[in-house]
Amino acid sequence: MRDESKLRFLIVDDEQSIRRLCMTVGQGLGFVCTEAETAESALESLDTTPPDIVVTDLKLPSLSGTELLKKIREQLPRAETAIMTGHGSIESAVEAMRQGAYDYIEKPFRVERLRQLLQRMAEKVRLVTENQFLRERVSTETQLDGIVGTSVKIEDVMRMISRLKETRTPVLITGESGTGKELVARAIHFRGPLAQMPFVAVDCGSLVPTLMESELFGHEKGSFTGALKTKAGLFQAANGGTIFLDEIGELPLELQAKLLRVLQEKEVRPVGSNVKVPVDVRVIAATNRDLESAYRAATFRKDLYFRLNVVTVHLPSLRERRSDIPQLAHCFLDRYAPGENIQVTPDAMKSFLQYDWPGNVRELENCIARAVALGDHHTIDVGDLPPAVRVAPEGKSQASDSELSTTALSDLERMTILRVFEQAGGDKALAGRMLGISRATLYRKLKLYNIPLRSAHREHVRMAS
């Protein structure tokens, strides 16, 4: 299991032996464990390694455990917290529970008691995360973000978004071009507490090399030829919000060093100025390159890589999530031909499912836009598709015919029935005529796909959202 999908456990205690014991138990439960000796060091670690579970001693050198938990809950409202206390401090532990702590454990404690407490806290974290995820999957936010799909890999991405949106942790989004990295960055920003603050997207690959520093950090009037007036940079424009650095691997090494200083010092110095300007931004970076190989080859700074790579979200290619293709295709049809109920023929969908999609979701969207523009606005058939999509490369079948017929094509048929029910306003007889099948066949299909007749119309609406 990747570290990104594991729960993160923070133990705060000034006794090293207690910390080591708690970390051993946490590691045994599969947690990513961190420790802190004081409340101050625990708070400093929240931005870089936000915990899901926190256990702290009640009596700490400066701030008390209760005060620490209050500050943690302000920054990480979904984190589960617990107090360790001596026998004489039970009342303080109970007060901490009134303020939101999950439970308390009395010192000295048995290992099995600690293990049970951590297991219960972990289960609550997972339940809260899953409930939040499920609510978001059926909300209109999903449609606004443009993230479409129900495959296992895309649902893993959605769960990561749900966990990351309430933190200010740096995020590195990886994946091939066209997989939707900016959509994920926008979802993390606009679903969280920074939603009302600026979101600034920067395509590092399109910046003019001689003007990169000026674009990112700003410049003073007269600092170079053409600098006719003072200009704020993109980091200043994103102050208080999020800056999205797309294709971060394209930055030259010299600028990587300056970016690293900005991330460390949280201030920028405009070109031609001796004055540093403080900036408070969350950084989300994206790349289609292997940055680990790049820093080993000395083409990307190792220290910048580890500064950005606190949490990684990997987006699967479209060929890794073929089961999402029918839903994506209909989503793009609704975008480019709203209200027209254009249908995709089985042969055209089979071509979609067999094609490798090197340009990923962006290429599929362009393909649908082209078919709508050039087609008859009734159906999309194989002849409406670009030549490369019509036929799979000779000798290469990306998905077997049996796989297509039993999974994705059945998904297509199910979605088509739901779309026709929507168009027919729930009228069974009309839906049967529009589909060109008898009422008996229609009922058989409804039973096959487990579609309750009374809710077919409602289920289509839910899937569309």
Protein backbone atom coordinates (compact mmCIF):
# COMPACT_ATOMS: atom_id res chain seq x y z
CA MET A 1 0.00 0.00 0.00
CA ARG A 2 1.34 3.44 -0.92
CA ASP A 3 2.00 5.87 1.93
CA GLU A 4 -0.50 8.35 0.43
CA SER A 5 -3.36 5.93 1.11
CA LYS A 6 -2.26 5.06 4.66
CA LEU A 7 -3.58 6.85 7.73
CA ARG A 8 -1.09 9.23 9.37
CA PHE A 9 -0.57 8.98 13.15
CA LEU A 10 1.11 11.65 15.31
CA ILE A 11 2.18 10.94 18.89
CA VAL A 12 3.10 13.93 21.11
CA ASP A 13 4.86 13.22 24.42
CA ASP A 14 8.01 14.46 26.13
CA GLU A 15 8.96 10.91 27.14
CA GLN A 16 10.88 9.15 24.37
CA SER A 17 9.97 5.66 25.64
CA ILE A 18 6.24 6.46 25.36
CA ARG A 19 6.70 7.85 21.85
CA ARG A 20 8.61 4.77 20.71
CA LEU A 21 5.98 2.42 22.15
CA CYS A 22 3.11 4.29 20.49
CA MET A 23 4.91 4.42 17.15
CA THR A 24 5.61 0.68 17.28
CA VAL A 25 1.90 0.00 17.86
CA GLY A 26 0.91 2.45 15.12
CA GLN A 27 3.31 0.93 12.61
CA GLY A 28 1.94 -2.49 13.45
CA LEU A 29 -1.51 -1.20 12.43
CA GLY A 30 -0.15 0.05 9.11
CA PHE A 31 -0.06 3.78 9.94
CA VAL A 32 2.52 6.29 8.76
CA CYS A 33 3.87 7.44 12.15
CA THR A 34 5.48 10.71 13.22
CA GLU A 35 6.44 11.97 16.67
CA ALA A 36 6.85 15.28 18.46
CA GLU A 37 8.33 16.08 21.86
CA THR A 38 6.52 19.40 22.31
CA ALA A 39 3.25 21.00 21.24
CA GLU A 40 5.19 23.62 19.26
CA SER A 41 7.02 21.03 17.13
CA ALA A 42 3.74 19.16 16.61
CA LEU A 43 2.06 22.32 15.30
CA GLU A 44 5.00 23.05 12.98
CA SER A 45 4.60 19.61 11.38
CA LEU A 46 0.90 20.03 10.53
CA ASP A 47 1.49 21.75 7.17
CA THR A 48 3.97 19.18 5.86
CA THR A 49 2.58 15.97 7.39
CA PRO A 50 -1.04 16.57 8.46
CA PRO A 51 -2.12 13.68 10.69
CA ASP A 52 -5.40 11.78 10.62
CA ILE A 53 -4.98 10.57 14.21
CA VAL A 54 -3.30 12.42 17.10
CA VAL A 55 -2.57 11.12 20.60
CA THR A 56 -0.98 13.62 22.98
CA ASP A 57 0.05 13.67 26.61
CA LEU A 58 -2.05 16.03 28.71
CA LYS A 59 0.99 17.58 30.39
CA LEU A 60 3.53 18.99 27.96
CA PRO A 61 6.46 21.40 28.62
CA SER A 62 4.66 24.57 27.48
CA LEU A 63 1.22 24.28 25.86
CA SER A 64 -1.01 21.69 27.47
CA GLY A 65 -2.35 18.73 25.53
CA THR A 66 -5.83 20.26 25.67
CA GLU A 67 -4.60 23.53 24.13
CA LEU A 68 -2.71 21.57 21.47
CA LEU A 69 -5.80 19.57 20.49
CA LYS A 70 -7.82 22.78 20.23
CA LYS A 71 -5.29 24.24 17.77
CA ILE A 72 -5.13 20.98 15.80
CA ARG A 73 -8.91 20.86 15.45
CA GLU A 74 -8.90 24.45 14.18
CA GLN A 75 -6.45 23.53 11.42
CA LEU A 76 -7.55 19.92 10.79
CA PRO A 77 -11.21 19.61 11.77
CA ARG A 78 -11.46 16.03 10.51
CA ALA A 79 -8.49 14.70 12.49
CA GLU A 80 -9.35 12.39 15.39
CA THR A 81 -7.61 13.24 18.67
CA ALA A 82 -7.10 11.52 22.03
CA ILE A 83 -5.47 12.43 25.36
CA MET A 84 -3.02 10.44 27.52
CA THR A 85 -3.34 11.28 31.20
CA GLY A 86 -2.31 10.23 34.67
CA HIS A 87 -4.81 9.03 37.28
CA GLY A 88 -5.09 12.45 38.90
CA SER A 89 -6.04 14.25 35.70
CA ILE A 90 -9.11 12.34 34.59
CA GLU A 91 -11.33 15.43 34.91
CA SER A 92 -9.08 17.34 32.47
CA ALA A 93 -9.26 14.44 30.01
CA VAL A 94 -13.05 14.40 30.22
CA GLU A 95 -13.07 18.16 29.58
CA ALA A 96 -10.93 17.56 26.50
CA MET A 97 -13.55 15.09 25.26
CA ARG A 98 -16.24 17.73 25.73
CA GLN A 99 -14.16 19.94 23.42
CA GLY A 100 -14.00 17.29 20.73
CA ALA A 101 -11.37 14.72 21.69
CA TYR A 102 -12.35 11.18 20.70
CA ASP A 103 -11.29 9.48 23.95
CA TYR A 104 -8.58 9.34 26.60
CA ILE A 105 -6.18 6.66 27.79
CA GLU A 106 -4.83 6.50 31.32
CA LYS A 107 -1.13 6.01 32.05
CA PRO A 108 0.32 3.49 32.56
CA PHE A 109 -1.60 1.67 29.83
CA ARG A 110 -1.51 -1.80 28.34
CA VAL A 111 -0.40 -2.13 24.73
CA GLU A 112 -3.65 -3.87 23.82
CA ARG A 113 -5.66 -0.93 25.22
CA LEU A 114 -3.69 1.51 23.04
CA ARG A 115 -4.09 -0.73 19.99
CA GLN A 116 -7.87 -0.89 20.46
CA LEU A 117 -8.08 2.88 20.87
CA LEU A 118 -6.11 3.51 17.67
CA GLN A 119 -8.19 0.95 15.76
CA ARG A 120 -11.43 2.65 16.83
CA MET A 121 -10.09 6.08 15.90
CA ALA A 122 -8.90 4.76 12.53
CA GLU A 123 -12.30 3.25 11.80
CA LYS A 124 -14.01 6.57 12.54
CA VAL A 125 -11.57 8.43 10.26
CA ARG A 126 -12.27 5.96 7.44
CA LEU A 127 -16.04 6.17 7.92
CA VAL A 128 -16.04 9.98 7.93
CA THR A 129 -13.81 10.07 4.84
CA GLU A 130 -15.96 7.53 2.99
CA ASN A 131 -19.21 9.32 3.87
CA GLN A 132 -17.76 12.62 2.70
CA PHE A 133 -16.56 10.96 -0.50
CA LEU A 134 -19.96 9.41 -1.19
CA ARG A 135 -21.75 12.72 -0.58
CA GLU A 136 -19.43 14.45 -3.01
CA ARG A 137 -19.87 11.77 -5.66
CA VAL A 138 -23.59 12.56 -5.89
CA SER A 139 -23.23 16.34 -5.49
CA THR A 140 -23.18 18.86 -8.29
CA GLU A 141 -19.60 19.67 -7.30
CA THR A 142 -18.44 16.59 -9.18
CA GLN A 143 -19.98 17.92 -12.36
CA LEU A 144 -18.49 21.38 -11.80
CA ASP A 145 -15.03 19.92 -11.29
CA GLY A 146 -15.36 17.91 -14.50
CA ILE A 147 -13.96 14.76 -12.88
CA VAL A 148 -16.06 11.95 -14.34
CA GLY A 149 -15.84 8.22 -13.77
CA THR A 150 -16.60 5.36 -11.40
CA SER A 151 -13.58 3.12 -11.97
CA VAL A 152 -11.59 2.05 -8.93
CA LYS A 153 -8.57 4.17 -9.87
CA ILE A 154 -10.56 7.38 -10.38
CA GLU A 155 -12.45 6.81 -7.13
CA ASP A 156 -9.09 6.50 -5.35
CA VAL A 157 -8.21 9.92 -6.78
CA MET A 158 -11.52 11.35 -5.53
CA ARG A 159 -10.84 10.01 -2.05
CA MET A 160 -7.42 11.65 -2.05
CA ILE A 161 -9.03 14.97 -3.08
CA SER A 162 -11.50 14.62 -0.21
CA ARG A 163 -8.63 14.14 2.26
CA LEU A 164 -6.39 16.88 0.88
CA LYS A 165 -8.87 19.68 0.37
CA GLU A 166 -8.87 20.77 4.03
CA THR A 167 -5.09 20.95 4.39
CA ARG A 168 -2.42 23.29 3.03
CA THR A 169 -0.05 20.43 2.31
CA PRO A 170 1.97 20.72 -0.91
CA VAL A 171 0.70 18.24 -3.50
CA LEU A 172 2.43 16.78 -6.55
CA ILE A 173 0.04 15.54 -9.24
CA THR A 174 1.55 13.08 -11.71
CA GLY A 175 0.18 11.54 -14.88
CA GLU A 176 0.35 11.62 -18.65
CA SER A 177 -0.68 14.69 -20.62
CA GLY A 178 -4.44 15.02 -20.97
CA THR A 179 -5.38 13.03 -17.85
CA GLY A 180 -6.88 16.06 -16.06
CA LYS A 181 -4.19 17.19 -13.63
CA GLU A 182 -5.49 20.77 -13.51
CA LEU A 183 -9.03 19.51 -12.81
CA VAL A 184 -7.69 17.71 -9.73
CA ALA A 185 -5.80 20.82 -8.59
CA ARG A 186 -8.95 22.92 -8.97
CA ALA A 187 -11.01 20.33 -7.07
CA ILE A 188 -8.56 20.37 -4.15
CA HIS A 189 -8.68 24.18 -4.04
CA PHE A 190 -12.36 24.91 -4.70
CA ARG A 191 -13.73 22.20 -2.41
CA GLY A 192 -11.74 23.38 0.58
CA PRO A 193 -11.57 26.41 2.87
CA LEU A 194 -9.49 28.35 0.29
CA ALA A 195 -12.33 28.25 -2.26
CA GLN A 196 -12.98 32.01 -1.98
CA MET A 197 -9.28 32.83 -2.36
CA PRO A 198 -7.32 33.11 -5.64
CA PHE A 199 -6.43 30.08 -7.74
CA VAL A 200 -3.62 30.89 -10.18
CA ALA A 201 -2.62 28.31 -12.79
CA VAL A 202 0.86 28.62 -14.32
CA ASP A 203 1.95 26.57 -17.34
CA CYS A 204 5.69 26.38 -16.67
CA GLY A 205 6.29 24.87 -20.10
CA SER A 206 4.87 27.91 -21.91
CA LEU A 207 6.74 30.62 -19.97
CA VAL A 208 9.29 32.55 -22.03
CA PRO A 209 12.68 31.58 -20.51
CA THR A 210 13.95 35.18 -20.34
CA LEU A 211 10.79 36.34 -18.57
CA MET A 212 10.11 33.38 -16.26
CA GLU A 213 11.44 35.05 -13.10
CA SER A 214 9.55 38.26 -13.83
CA GLU A 215 6.29 36.38 -14.50
CA LEU A 216 6.52 34.36 -11.30
CA PHE A 217 7.95 36.90 -8.87
CA GLY A 218 7.21 40.30 -10.48
CA HIS A 219 9.54 43.17 -11.41
CA GLU A 220 10.26 46.82 -10.71
CA LYS A 221 9.89 49.55 -13.29
CA GLY A 222 13.05 49.90 -15.38
CA SER A 223 14.57 46.64 -14.12
CA PHE A 224 15.06 45.44 -17.72
CA THR A 225 14.30 46.57 -21.26
CA GLY A 226 10.55 46.76 -21.67
CA ALA A 227 9.77 46.99 -17.94
CA LEU A 228 7.77 50.18 -18.32
CA LYS A 229 5.99 49.84 -14.98
CA THR A 230 6.14 47.85 -11.76
CA LYS A 231 4.32 44.52 -12.04
CA ALA A 232 3.30 41.99 -9.37
CA GLY A 233 4.17 38.37 -10.09
CA LEU A 234 1.94 35.33 -10.18
CA PHE A 235 2.92 34.29 -6.64
CA GLN A 236 1.68 37.66 -5.36
CA ALA A 237 -1.51 37.25 -7.39
CA ALA A 238 -2.11 33.92 -5.64
CA ASN A 239 -1.43 35.29 -2.15
CA GLY A 240 -3.79 33.71 0.38
CA GLY A 241 -4.85 31.02 -2.07
CA THR A 242 -3.32 28.36 -4.34
CA ILE A 243 -0.72 28.51 -7.10
CA PHE A 244 -0.81 25.58 -9.52
CA LEU A 245 2.54 24.99 -11.21
CA ASP A 246 1.73 22.81 -14.22
CA GLU A 247 4.60 20.92 -15.89
CA ILE A 248 6.97 21.90 -13.08
CA GLY A 249 9.66 19.72 -14.64
CA GLU A 250 10.10 22.26 -17.45
CA LEU A 251 11.57 24.93 -15.16
CA PRO A 252 15.32 25.54 -15.71
CA LEU A 253 17.63 24.71 -12.80
CA GLU A 254 18.39 28.36 -12.03
CA LEU A 255 14.72 29.16 -11.56
CA GLN A 256 14.20 25.94 -9.57
CA ALA A 257 16.68 27.27 -6.99
CA LYS A 258 14.78 30.57 -6.72
CA LEU A 259 11.46 28.74 -6.44
CA LEU A 260 12.86 26.61 -3.62
CA ARG A 261 13.84 29.76 -1.70
CA VAL A 262 10.34 31.16 -2.13
CA LEU A 263 8.79 27.96 -0.76
CA GLN A 264 11.19 27.89 2.19
CA GLU A 265 11.11 31.58 3.12
CA LYS A 266 7.51 32.31 2.03
CA GLU A 267 8.54 35.55 0.38
CA VAL A 268 9.44 36.73 -3.12
CA ARG A 269 11.88 39.34 -4.35
CA PRO A 270 10.74 41.02 -7.58
CA VAL A 271 13.33 41.45 -10.33
CA GLY A 272 15.24 44.71 -9.80
CA SER A 273 14.08 45.11 -6.19
CA ASN A 274 15.94 44.72 -2.89
CA VAL A 275 12.69 44.40 -0.95
CA LYS A 276 11.23 40.97 -0.21
CA VAL A 277 7.45 40.63 -0.33
CA PRO A 278 5.80 38.03 1.97
CA VAL A 279 3.45 35.55 0.25
CA ASP A 280 1.22 32.88 1.77
CA VAL A 281 0.27 30.38 -0.91
CA ARG A 282 -0.50 26.71 -1.14
CA VAL A 283 1.56 25.07 -3.87
CA ILE A 284 0.16 22.32 -6.07
CA ALA A 285 2.55 21.13 -8.78
CA ALA A 286 1.97 18.76 -11.69
CA THR A 287 4.18 16.91 -14.13
CA ASN A 288 4.08 14.26 -16.83
CA ARG A 289 7.78 13.56 -16.28
CA ASP A 290 9.45 11.17 -13.86
CA LEU A 291 10.91 13.75 -11.46
CA GLU A 292 12.66 11.10 -9.37
CA SER A 293 14.66 10.02 -12.43
CA ALA A 294 15.17 13.70 -13.32
CA TYR A 295 16.76 14.59 -9.99
CA ARG A 296 18.95 11.48 -10.17
CA ALA A 297 20.06 12.69 -13.61
CA ALA A 298 20.72 16.17 -12.13
CA THR A 299 18.12 17.84 -14.39
CA PHE A 300 15.79 18.59 -11.47
CA ARG A 301 16.80 19.76 -7.99
CA LYS A 302 16.54 17.00 -5.39
CA ASP A 303 15.70 19.43 -2.57
CA LEU A 304 12.90 21.01 -4.61
CA TYR A 305 11.55 17.56 -5.49
CA PHE A 306 11.22 16.59 -1.84
CA ARG A 307 9.78 20.01 -0.95
CA LEU A 308 7.00 19.53 -3.53
CA ASN A 309 6.50 15.78 -3.16
CA VAL A 310 4.87 15.77 0.29
CA VAL A 311 1.78 13.99 -1.05
CA THR A 312 1.50 12.52 -4.55
CA VAL A 313 -1.75 12.05 -6.47
CA HIS A 314 -1.27 9.88 -9.56
CA LEU A 315 -3.83 10.15 -12.34
CA PRO A 316 -4.36 6.98 -14.40
CA SER A 317 -4.24 7.09 -18.18
CA LEU A 318 -7.52 6.59 -20.03
CA ARG A 319 -6.43 3.14 -21.20
CA GLU A 320 -6.13 2.18 -17.52
CA ARG A 321 -9.75 3.15 -16.87
CA ARG A 322 -11.57 1.98 -20.01
CA SER A 323 -14.78 1.34 -18.08
CA ASP A 324 -15.14 5.14 -17.69
CA ILE A 325 -15.11 5.79 -21.46
CA PRO A 326 -18.91 5.45 -22.03
CA GLN A 327 -19.68 7.83 -19.16
CA LEU A 328 -17.03 10.31 -20.32
CA ALA A 329 -18.31 10.16 -23.89
CA HIS A 330 -21.88 10.96 -22.84
CA CYS A 331 -20.64 13.72 -20.54
CA PHE A 332 -18.84 15.39 -23.47
CA LEU A 333 -21.93 14.90 -25.67
CA ASP A 334 -24.00 16.75 -23.09
CA ARG A 335 -21.36 19.51 -23.06
CA TYR A 336 -21.06 19.98 -26.84
CA ALA A 337 -24.65 19.17 -27.82
CA PRO A 338 -26.81 19.99 -24.76
CA GLY A 339 -30.36 18.71 -24.96
CA GLU A 340 -29.87 16.97 -28.31
CA ASN A 341 -29.62 13.40 -26.89
CA ILE A 342 -27.13 12.29 -29.53
CA GLN A 343 -26.51 8.53 -29.33
CA VAL A 344 -23.23 6.67 -29.86
CA THR A 345 -23.60 3.51 -31.93
CA PRO A 346 -22.19 0.26 -30.49
CA ASP A 347 -19.60 0.10 -33.31
CA ALA A 348 -18.39 3.62 -32.54
CA MET A 349 -18.22 2.84 -28.83
CA LYS A 350 -16.29 -0.34 -29.59
CA SER A 351 -13.77 1.80 -31.49
CA PHE A 352 -13.54 4.10 -28.46
CA LEU A 353 -12.89 1.12 -26.20
CA GLN A 354 -10.27 -0.45 -28.48
CA TYR A 355 -8.28 2.73 -29.09
CA ASP A 356 -5.23 3.45 -26.90
CA TRP A 357 -5.92 7.21 -26.38
CA PRO A 358 -2.33 8.52 -26.17
CA GLY A 359 -3.84 11.98 -25.55
CA ASN A 360 -6.06 10.54 -22.79
CA VAL A 361 -9.29 12.30 -21.72
CA ARG A 362 -8.39 15.49 -23.61
CA GLU A 363 -8.13 13.50 -26.85
CA LEU A 364 -11.50 11.81 -26.20
CA GLU A 365 -13.09 15.21 -25.60
CA ASN A 366 -11.65 16.57 -28.86
CA CYS A 367 -12.88 13.46 -30.68
CA ILE A 368 -16.44 13.97 -29.40
CA ALA A 369 -16.34 17.71 -30.24
CA ARG A 370 -15.23 16.86 -33.79
CA ALA A 371 -17.93 14.19 -34.21
CA VAL A 372 -20.63 16.63 -33.02
CA ALA A 373 -19.41 19.37 -35.37
CA LEU A 374 -19.22 17.10 -38.44
CA GLY A 375 -22.05 14.63 -37.69
CA ASP A 376 -25.82 14.67 -38.23
CA HIS A 377 -26.63 15.48 -34.56
CA HIS A 378 -28.62 12.25 -34.23
CA THR A 379 -26.01 9.53 -33.85
CA ILE A 380 -22.24 9.21 -33.76
CA ASP A 381 -21.04 6.31 -35.88
CA VAL A 382 -17.62 4.97 -36.81
CA GLY A 383 -17.51 7.21 -39.90
CA ASP A 384 -17.73 10.32 -37.69
CA LEU A 385 -14.53 9.42 -35.84
CA PRO A 386 -10.95 10.43 -36.72
CA PRO A 387 -9.16 7.76 -38.80
CA ALA A 388 -6.80 6.84 -35.95
CA VAL A 389 -9.73 6.02 -33.66
CA ARG A 390 -11.75 3.96 -36.15
CA VAL A 391 -9.45 0.94 -36.23
CA ALA A 392 -7.13 -0.42 -33.55
CA PRO A 393 -3.49 -0.74 -34.64
CA GLU A 394 -2.92 -3.91 -36.66
CA GLY A 395 -2.01 -6.87 -34.53
CA LYS A 396 -2.76 -5.00 -31.35
CA SER A 397 -5.97 -5.33 -29.40
CA GLN A 398 -6.12 -3.16 -26.31
CA ALA A 399 -9.09 -5.05 -24.92
CA SER A 400 -10.43 -8.44 -25.88
CA ASP A 401 -13.79 -8.78 -27.59
CA SER A 402 -15.08 -10.84 -24.67
CA GLU A 403 -14.00 -8.11 -22.25
CA LEU A 404 -15.72 -5.45 -24.33
CA SER A 405 -18.94 -7.40 -24.69
CA THR A 406 -19.23 -8.29 -21.03
CA THR A 407 -18.18 -5.02 -19.40
CA ALA A 408 -17.94 -1.75 -21.24
CA LEU A 409 -20.47 -2.48 -23.97
CA SER A 410 -23.00 -3.62 -21.40
CA ASP A 411 -22.34 -0.37 -19.55
CA LEU A 412 -23.04 1.46 -22.81
CA GLU A 413 -26.34 -0.37 -23.30
CA ARG A 414 -27.39 0.33 -19.72
CA MET A 415 -26.56 4.05 -20.03
CA THR A 416 -28.35 4.23 -23.40
CA ILE A 417 -31.54 2.82 -21.86
CA LEU A 418 -31.33 5.35 -19.04
CA ARG A 419 -30.77 8.23 -21.50
CA VAL A 420 -33.74 7.18 -23.63
CA PHE A 421 -35.95 6.96 -20.53
CA GLU A 422 -34.94 10.53 -19.76
CA GLN A 423 -35.79 11.63 -23.31
CA ALA A 424 -39.11 9.80 -23.15
CA GLY A 425 -39.98 11.31 -19.79
CA GLY A 426 -40.33 7.87 -18.22
CA ASP A 427 -42.89 6.64 -20.78
CA LYS A 428 -42.18 2.87 -21.17
CA ALA A 429 -43.99 2.43 -24.46
CA LEU A 430 -42.31 5.46 -26.03
CA ALA A 431 -38.91 4.38 -24.71
CA GLY A 432 -39.37 0.94 -26.28
CA ARG A 433 -40.24 2.48 -29.66
CA MET A 434 -37.27 4.85 -29.50
CA LEU A 435 -34.96 1.96 -28.69
CA GLY A 436 -36.48 -0.18 -31.44
CA ILE A 437 -37.27 -3.08 -29.10
CA SER A 438 -40.45 -4.71 -27.89
CA ARG A 439 -41.87 -4.07 -24.44
CA ALA A 440 -40.93 -7.63 -23.42
CA THR A 441 -37.32 -7.04 -24.48
CA LEU A 442 -37.29 -3.72 -22.64
CA TYR A 443 -38.49 -5.37 -19.42
CA ARG A 444 -35.86 -8.11 -19.86
CA LYS A 445 -33.11 -5.50 -20.23
CA LEU A 446 -34.33 -3.63 -17.17
CA LYS A 447 -34.18 -6.84 -15.17
CA LEU A 448 -30.76 -7.76 -16.62
CA TYR A 449 -29.24 -4.44 -15.59
CA ASN A 450 -31.12 -4.34 -12.27
CA ILE A 451 -32.88 -1.08 -13.13
CA PRO A 452 -36.10 -0.63 -11.11
CA LEU A 453 -38.71 0.56 -13.59
CA ARG A 454 -40.06 3.22 -11.28
CA SER A 455 -36.61 4.73 -10.69
CA ALA A 456 -35.02 4.49 -14.15
CA HIS A 457 -35.66 8.16 -14.78
CA ARG A 458 -34.30 9.18 -11.36
CA GLU A 459 -31.19 6.99 -11.72
CA HIS A 460 -30.28 8.63 -15.01
CA VAL A 461 -30.43 12.04 -13.37
CA ARG A 462 -28.21 10.80 -10.52
CA MET A 463 -25.63 9.36 -12.94
CA ALA A 464 -25.55 12.57 -14.93
CA SER A 465 -24.64 14.51 -11.79
